Amino acid sequence: MAAGAVLAGTGIAYAARADAAPGIGCQTVLWGFLGSQRRTICDSPQRADGSWTRERTIWWPERWVPLACGRYSCWGGYWQDAGGSRETYPVTPETVLADEPGHLVGA
């Protein structure tokens, strides 16, 4: 995924995706149970009417999932492939979802 500056103490990374066009702003935060997933939001530049297009991806990296854990260690398990889901939708300042940031300005 994209690399970028991490704001100290917030756990929020702001970055432009490696394949994002200029002007695209992105944010990745920990998401899901115990932060086991990530939510990446990327916004297009604002249009003249103040609206923009938002792409929201909920994803998880490839990871080891243990079958059982004791007090000090875990054993057994399997690899879970990376995956996720992506949605693209129009947004205006009035329709930003309560748990999402306002418009993300790109570099």
Protein backbone atom coordinates (compact mmCIF):
# COMPACT_ATOMS: atom_id res chain seq x y z
CA MET A 1 0.00 0.00 0.00
CA ALA A 2 1.04 3.62 -0.08
CA ALA A 3 3.79 4.93 2.11
CA GLY A 4 3.52 8.32 3.73
CA ALA A 5 4.02 10.41 6.78
CA VAL A 6 2.47 9.11 9.96
CA LEU A 7 1.11 11.72 12.34
CA ALA A 8 2.72 10.95 15.68
CA GLY A 9 0.35 9.61 18.31
CA THR A 10 -2.74 9.46 16.08
CA GLY A 11 -2.28 6.19 14.25
CA ILE A 12 -3.42 7.93 11.05
CA ALA A 13 -1.29 7.87 7.91
CA TYR A 14 -1.83 10.46 5.20
CA ALA A 15 -0.41 9.53 1.84
CA ALA A 16 -0.97 9.57 -1.86
CA ARG A 17 -1.32 6.07 -3.26
CA ALA A 18 1.61 5.02 -5.37
CA ASP A 19 -0.70 4.73 -8.39
CA ALA A 20 -2.80 7.82 -7.56
CA ALA A 21 -2.88 10.76 -9.94
CA PRO A 22 -1.67 14.19 -8.74
CA GLY A 23 -4.24 15.93 -6.53
CA ILE A 24 -5.58 12.68 -5.03
CA GLY A 25 -5.52 12.74 -1.21
CA CYS A 26 -5.55 9.49 0.79
CA GLN A 27 -5.86 8.44 4.44
CA THR A 28 -5.31 4.96 5.93
CA VAL A 29 -6.44 4.07 9.47
CA LEU A 30 -6.64 0.86 11.51
CA TRP A 31 -10.10 -0.67 11.18
CA GLY A 32 -12.12 -3.64 12.40
CA PHE A 33 -11.69 -5.90 15.42
CA LEU A 34 -8.47 -4.96 17.25
CA GLY A 35 -7.26 -3.06 14.19
CA SER A 36 -6.94 -6.26 12.15
CA GLN A 37 -8.08 -4.47 8.99
CA ARG A 38 -7.31 -1.12 7.38
CA ARG A 39 -9.57 1.53 5.87
CA THR A 40 -8.07 3.59 3.06
CA ILE A 41 -10.00 6.59 1.74
CA CYS A 42 -8.86 8.46 -1.38
CA ASP A 43 -10.54 11.63 -2.64
CA SER A 44 -10.44 13.20 -6.09
CA PRO A 45 -9.95 16.96 -6.41
CA GLN A 46 -13.07 19.01 -5.60
CA ARG A 47 -15.25 19.98 -8.54
CA ALA A 48 -16.63 23.50 -9.09
CA ASP A 49 -19.87 22.58 -7.27
CA GLY A 50 -17.88 21.49 -4.16
CA SER A 51 -18.43 17.75 -4.65
CA TRP A 52 -15.76 15.10 -5.11
CA THR A 53 -15.45 11.36 -5.70
CA ARG A 54 -14.38 9.15 -2.78
CA GLU A 55 -12.93 5.65 -3.00
CA ARG A 56 -13.16 3.69 0.27
CA THR A 57 -11.28 0.40 0.61
CA ILE A 58 -11.54 -1.90 3.62
CA TRP A 59 -8.60 -4.31 3.37
CA TRP A 60 -6.34 -6.63 5.31
CA PRO A 61 -2.76 -7.70 4.66
CA GLU A 62 -1.68 -11.33 4.34
CA ARG A 63 -1.35 -12.68 7.87
CA TRP A 64 -0.87 -15.74 10.06
CA VAL A 65 -4.03 -16.76 11.95
CA PRO A 66 -3.25 -19.01 14.95
CA LEU A 67 -5.63 -21.84 15.86
CA ALA A 68 -4.97 -21.76 19.60
CA CYS A 69 -3.09 -19.58 22.06
CA GLY A 70 -1.96 -20.18 25.61
CA ARG A 71 -0.70 -17.69 28.12
CA TYR A 72 2.70 -17.23 26.47
CA SER A 73 2.46 -18.64 22.95
CA CYS A 74 0.25 -19.66 20.04
CA TRP A 75 0.37 -22.82 17.92
CA GLY A 76 -1.16 -24.22 14.79
CA GLY A 77 -2.82 -21.98 12.27
CA TYR A 78 -2.96 -20.95 8.65
CA TRP A 79 -2.09 -18.07 6.30
CA GLN A 80 -4.97 -15.81 5.34
CA ASP A 81 -4.55 -14.14 1.95
CA ALA A 82 -4.74 -10.38 1.63
CA GLY A 83 -8.16 -9.14 0.57
CA GLY A 84 -10.83 -6.52 0.97
CA SER A 85 -13.60 -4.55 -0.71
CA ARG A 86 -13.64 -1.23 -2.56
CA GLU A 87 -16.47 1.28 -3.05
CA THR A 88 -16.52 4.50 -5.08
CA TYR A 89 -19.21 7.12 -4.46
CA PRO A 90 -19.90 10.88 -4.82
CA VAL A 91 -19.54 13.13 -1.75
CA THR A 92 -20.43 16.73 -0.89
CA PRO A 93 -19.54 18.60 2.32
CA GLU A 94 -23.11 17.93 3.52
CA THR A 95 -23.03 14.17 2.83
CA VAL A 96 -19.70 13.17 4.44
CA LEU A 97 -20.33 10.17 6.70
CA ALA A 98 -19.95 10.80 10.44
CA ASP A 99 -17.01 8.38 10.81
CA GLU A 100 -15.13 9.70 7.76
CA PRO A 101 -12.99 12.82 7.32
CA GLY A 102 -13.87 15.80 5.16
CA HIS A 103 -12.23 16.26 1.78
CA LEU A 104 -8.64 14.95 1.70
CA VAL A 105 -6.36 17.26 -0.24
CA GLY A 106 -3.64 15.58 -2.28
CA ALA A 107 -0.09 16.66 -2.98
